[in-house]
Amino acid sequence: SFYRFTMVSGKLTNPVPFFVSESHVSPGHLGGGVTTLPDGKILWSTGDCTVYGTDGSYAPQLDFESCGKILKIDPTEKGSYTV
């Protein structure tokens, strides 16, 4: 889950979720790299959602699956992302 906060007197307040993604979590290729772009959008590496010992070739090859992708999230549009 990604949250937007308000900064008040140097403290983060008023957490509001703007993006939530559910996937199977198990030991393996979890990904998790996050960075922001100059325009405020967020790049998130989801990992391929597979366990140790498998080749990870299924979900990453499916266009409708968010696993195995780098998602570009727009925090100004609730739930909006592109692959």
N, C-alpha and C. Protein backbone atom coordinates (compact mmCIF):
# COMPACT_ATOMS: atom_id res chain seq x y z
N SER A 1 0.84 -1.19 0.00
CA SER A 1 0.00 0.00 0.00
C SER A 1 0.88 1.24 0.00
N PHE A 2 0.47 2.23 -0.76
CA PHE A 2 1.14 3.52 -0.79
C PHE A 2 0.21 4.55 -0.18
N TYR A 3 0.78 5.41 0.66
CA TYR A 3 -0.01 6.42 1.37
C TYR A 3 0.52 7.82 1.08
N ARG A 4 -0.37 8.79 1.06
CA ARG A 4 -0.01 10.20 0.98
C ARG A 4 -0.22 10.77 2.38
N PHE A 5 0.75 11.55 2.86
CA PHE A 5 0.68 12.15 4.18
C PHE A 5 0.68 13.66 4.07
N THR A 6 0.24 14.31 5.12
CA THR A 6 0.34 15.75 5.26
C THR A 6 1.44 16.03 6.28
N MET A 7 2.32 16.98 5.98
CA MET A 7 3.39 17.35 6.91
C MET A 7 2.91 18.52 7.75
N VAL A 8 2.86 18.32 9.08
CA VAL A 8 2.43 19.36 10.01
C VAL A 8 3.49 19.47 11.11
N SER A 9 4.11 20.63 11.20
CA SER A 9 5.14 20.88 12.22
C SER A 9 6.22 19.81 12.20
N GLY A 10 6.63 19.39 11.01
CA GLY A 10 7.70 18.40 10.87
C GLY A 10 7.28 16.96 11.11
N LYS A 11 5.98 16.71 11.26
CA LYS A 11 5.49 15.36 11.50
C LYS A 11 4.51 14.96 10.40
N LEU A 12 4.55 13.67 10.02
CA LEU A 12 3.62 13.14 9.03
C LEU A 12 2.28 12.86 9.69
N THR A 13 1.21 13.41 9.12
CA THR A 13 -0.13 13.21 9.66
C THR A 13 -1.09 12.88 8.52
N ASN A 14 -2.30 12.50 8.86
CA ASN A 14 -3.39 12.28 7.91
C ASN A 14 -3.01 11.30 6.78
N PRO A 15 -2.65 10.06 7.10
CA PRO A 15 -2.32 9.10 6.04
C PRO A 15 -3.55 8.74 5.20
N VAL A 16 -3.42 8.85 3.89
CA VAL A 16 -4.50 8.52 2.97
C VAL A 16 -3.96 7.56 1.91
N PRO A 17 -4.48 6.33 1.82
CA PRO A 17 -3.99 5.41 0.80
C PRO A 17 -4.40 5.87 -0.59
N PHE A 18 -3.45 5.76 -1.55
CA PHE A 18 -3.81 6.10 -2.92
C PHE A 18 -3.53 4.96 -3.89
N PHE A 19 -2.83 3.90 -3.45
CA PHE A 19 -2.60 2.75 -4.32
C PHE A 19 -2.40 1.51 -3.47
N VAL A 20 -3.15 0.44 -3.79
CA VAL A 20 -3.03 -0.84 -3.08
C VAL A 20 -2.96 -1.93 -4.13
N SER A 21 -2.00 -2.84 -3.98
CA SER A 21 -1.87 -3.97 -4.88
C SER A 21 -1.68 -5.23 -4.05
N GLU A 22 -2.48 -6.24 -4.34
CA GLU A 22 -2.36 -7.50 -3.62
C GLU A 22 -1.70 -8.54 -4.50
N SER A 23 -0.77 -9.31 -3.93
CA SER A 23 -0.16 -10.42 -4.65
C SER A 23 0.24 -11.48 -3.64
N HIS A 24 0.45 -12.68 -4.13
CA HIS A 24 0.87 -13.78 -3.28
C HIS A 24 2.27 -13.50 -2.77
N VAL A 25 2.47 -13.52 -1.46
CA VAL A 25 3.78 -13.27 -0.89
C VAL A 25 4.32 -14.59 -0.34
N SER A 26 5.48 -14.98 -0.82
CA SER A 26 6.13 -16.19 -0.35
C SER A 26 7.63 -15.97 -0.47
N PRO A 27 8.44 -16.80 0.19
CA PRO A 27 9.88 -16.63 0.04
C PRO A 27 10.25 -16.78 -1.44
N GLY A 28 11.02 -15.88 -1.93
CA GLY A 28 11.40 -15.96 -3.33
C GLY A 28 11.74 -14.60 -3.89
N HIS A 29 11.25 -14.32 -5.04
CA HIS A 29 11.61 -13.11 -5.78
C HIS A 29 10.60 -12.01 -5.49
N LEU A 30 10.79 -11.30 -4.40
CA LEU A 30 9.79 -10.35 -3.93
C LEU A 30 9.92 -8.95 -4.53
N GLY A 31 11.06 -8.60 -5.11
CA GLY A 31 11.21 -7.27 -5.68
C GLY A 31 11.17 -6.22 -4.59
N GLY A 32 10.49 -5.13 -4.84
CA GLY A 32 10.29 -4.13 -3.81
C GLY A 32 11.05 -2.84 -4.00
N GLY A 33 11.80 -2.70 -5.09
CA GLY A 33 12.49 -1.44 -5.33
C GLY A 33 11.49 -0.33 -5.61
N VAL A 34 11.70 0.84 -4.99
CA VAL A 34 10.81 1.98 -5.17
C VAL A 34 11.66 3.22 -5.40
N THR A 35 11.25 4.05 -6.36
CA THR A 35 11.90 5.35 -6.57
C THR A 35 10.86 6.33 -7.09
N THR A 36 11.14 7.61 -6.92
CA THR A 36 10.24 8.63 -7.44
C THR A 36 10.87 9.31 -8.65
N LEU A 37 10.02 9.77 -9.54
CA LEU A 37 10.45 10.49 -10.73
C LEU A 37 10.30 11.99 -10.49
N PRO A 38 10.98 12.82 -11.29
CA PRO A 38 10.89 14.27 -11.10
C PRO A 38 9.45 14.82 -11.17
N ASP A 39 8.56 14.14 -11.91
CA ASP A 39 7.18 14.62 -12.02
C ASP A 39 6.28 14.14 -10.87
N GLY A 40 6.86 13.44 -9.88
CA GLY A 40 6.10 12.98 -8.72
C GLY A 40 5.55 11.58 -8.84
N LYS A 41 5.64 10.97 -10.03
CA LYS A 41 5.18 9.60 -10.19
C LYS A 41 6.16 8.66 -9.50
N ILE A 42 5.72 7.43 -9.22
CA ILE A 42 6.50 6.46 -8.47
C ILE A 42 6.74 5.23 -9.34
N LEU A 43 7.98 4.74 -9.37
CA LEU A 43 8.28 3.47 -10.02
C LEU A 43 8.43 2.42 -8.93
N TRP A 44 7.72 1.29 -9.10
CA TRP A 44 7.74 0.21 -8.10
C TRP A 44 8.01 -1.11 -8.80
N SER A 45 9.07 -1.78 -8.41
CA SER A 45 9.41 -3.11 -8.91
C SER A 45 8.69 -4.14 -8.05
N THR A 46 7.76 -4.89 -8.65
CA THR A 46 6.89 -5.77 -7.87
C THR A 46 7.51 -7.12 -7.53
N GLY A 47 8.55 -7.55 -8.24
CA GLY A 47 9.06 -8.91 -8.09
C GLY A 47 8.19 -9.85 -8.91
N ASP A 48 8.65 -11.07 -9.12
CA ASP A 48 7.89 -11.96 -10.02
C ASP A 48 6.91 -12.88 -9.31
N CYS A 49 6.79 -12.77 -7.98
CA CYS A 49 5.78 -13.50 -7.21
C CYS A 49 5.92 -15.02 -7.33
N THR A 50 7.11 -15.50 -7.51
CA THR A 50 7.32 -16.94 -7.54
C THR A 50 8.21 -17.36 -6.38
N VAL A 51 8.21 -18.63 -6.09
CA VAL A 51 9.00 -19.16 -4.97
C VAL A 51 10.35 -19.64 -5.48
N TYR A 52 11.28 -19.89 -4.55
CA TYR A 52 12.58 -20.43 -4.92
C TYR A 52 12.40 -21.73 -5.69
N GLY A 53 13.25 -21.97 -6.67
CA GLY A 53 13.22 -23.22 -7.41
C GLY A 53 12.39 -23.19 -8.66
N THR A 54 11.66 -22.11 -8.91
CA THR A 54 10.92 -22.00 -10.17
C THR A 54 11.57 -20.93 -11.02
N ASP A 55 11.32 -20.94 -12.29
CA ASP A 55 12.03 -20.04 -13.20
C ASP A 55 11.42 -18.65 -13.30
N GLY A 56 10.24 -18.40 -12.73
CA GLY A 56 9.65 -17.07 -12.74
C GLY A 56 9.15 -16.63 -14.10
N SER A 57 8.91 -17.55 -15.00
CA SER A 57 8.57 -17.15 -16.37
C SER A 57 7.08 -16.99 -16.62
N TYR A 58 6.22 -17.31 -15.67
CA TYR A 58 4.79 -17.26 -15.96
C TYR A 58 4.19 -15.87 -15.78
N ALA A 59 4.05 -15.41 -14.55
CA ALA A 59 3.40 -14.11 -14.31
C ALA A 59 4.08 -12.95 -15.03
N PRO A 60 5.40 -12.89 -15.07
CA PRO A 60 6.04 -11.76 -15.75
C PRO A 60 5.71 -11.66 -17.25
N GLN A 61 5.28 -12.75 -17.85
CA GLN A 61 4.99 -12.74 -19.28
C GLN A 61 3.53 -12.43 -19.60
N LEU A 62 2.70 -12.29 -18.58
CA LEU A 62 1.28 -12.02 -18.79
C LEU A 62 1.01 -10.52 -18.65
N ASP A 63 0.47 -9.91 -19.69
CA ASP A 63 0.23 -8.46 -19.68
C ASP A 63 -0.74 -8.02 -18.58
N PHE A 64 -1.71 -8.87 -18.22
CA PHE A 64 -2.71 -8.47 -17.22
C PHE A 64 -2.25 -8.69 -15.79
N GLU A 65 -1.10 -9.30 -15.58
CA GLU A 65 -0.57 -9.61 -14.25
C GLU A 65 0.42 -8.53 -13.82
N SER A 66 0.32 -8.03 -12.59
CA SER A 66 1.24 -6.99 -12.14
C SER A 66 2.57 -7.54 -11.64
N CYS A 67 2.65 -8.85 -11.40
CA CYS A 67 3.91 -9.46 -10.95
C CYS A 67 4.95 -9.45 -12.07
N GLY A 68 6.19 -9.27 -11.68
CA GLY A 68 7.28 -9.29 -12.65
C GLY A 68 7.35 -8.05 -13.52
N LYS A 69 6.83 -6.95 -13.03
CA LYS A 69 6.77 -5.71 -13.80
C LYS A 69 7.34 -4.56 -12.98
N ILE A 70 7.58 -3.46 -13.66
CA ILE A 70 7.84 -2.20 -12.99
C ILE A 70 6.61 -1.33 -13.26
N LEU A 71 5.91 -0.98 -12.18
CA LEU A 71 4.69 -0.20 -12.30
C LEU A 71 5.01 1.28 -12.12
N LYS A 72 4.43 2.11 -12.96
CA LYS A 72 4.54 3.56 -12.78
C LYS A 72 3.22 4.03 -12.19
N ILE A 73 3.27 4.47 -10.95
CA ILE A 73 2.09 4.85 -10.19
C ILE A 73 1.95 6.36 -10.18
N ASP A 74 0.75 6.83 -10.48
CA ASP A 74 0.45 8.26 -10.44
C ASP A 74 -0.30 8.55 -9.14
N PRO A 75 0.36 9.18 -8.16
CA PRO A 75 -0.30 9.42 -6.88
C PRO A 75 -1.43 10.44 -6.94
N THR A 76 -1.57 11.14 -8.05
CA THR A 76 -2.66 12.11 -8.17
C THR A 76 -3.95 11.46 -8.63
N GLU A 77 -3.88 10.21 -9.11
CA GLU A 77 -5.07 9.48 -9.57
C GLU A 77 -5.18 8.19 -8.77
N LYS A 78 -6.13 8.12 -7.87
CA LYS A 78 -6.28 6.98 -6.96
C LYS A 78 -6.36 5.67 -7.75
N GLY A 79 -5.44 4.73 -7.44
CA GLY A 79 -5.42 3.41 -8.06
C GLY A 79 -4.83 3.36 -9.46
N SER A 80 -4.30 4.48 -9.97
CA SER A 80 -3.82 4.54 -11.34
C SER A 80 -2.37 4.05 -11.45
N TYR A 81 -2.13 3.14 -12.42
CA TYR A 81 -0.77 2.75 -12.72
C TYR A 81 -0.67 2.30 -14.17
N THR A 82 0.55 2.35 -14.71
CA THR A 82 0.84 1.80 -16.03
C THR A 82 2.01 0.85 -15.89
N VAL A 83 2.14 -0.08 -16.85
CA VAL A 83 3.23 -1.06 -16.83
C VAL A 83 4.31 -0.58 -17.76
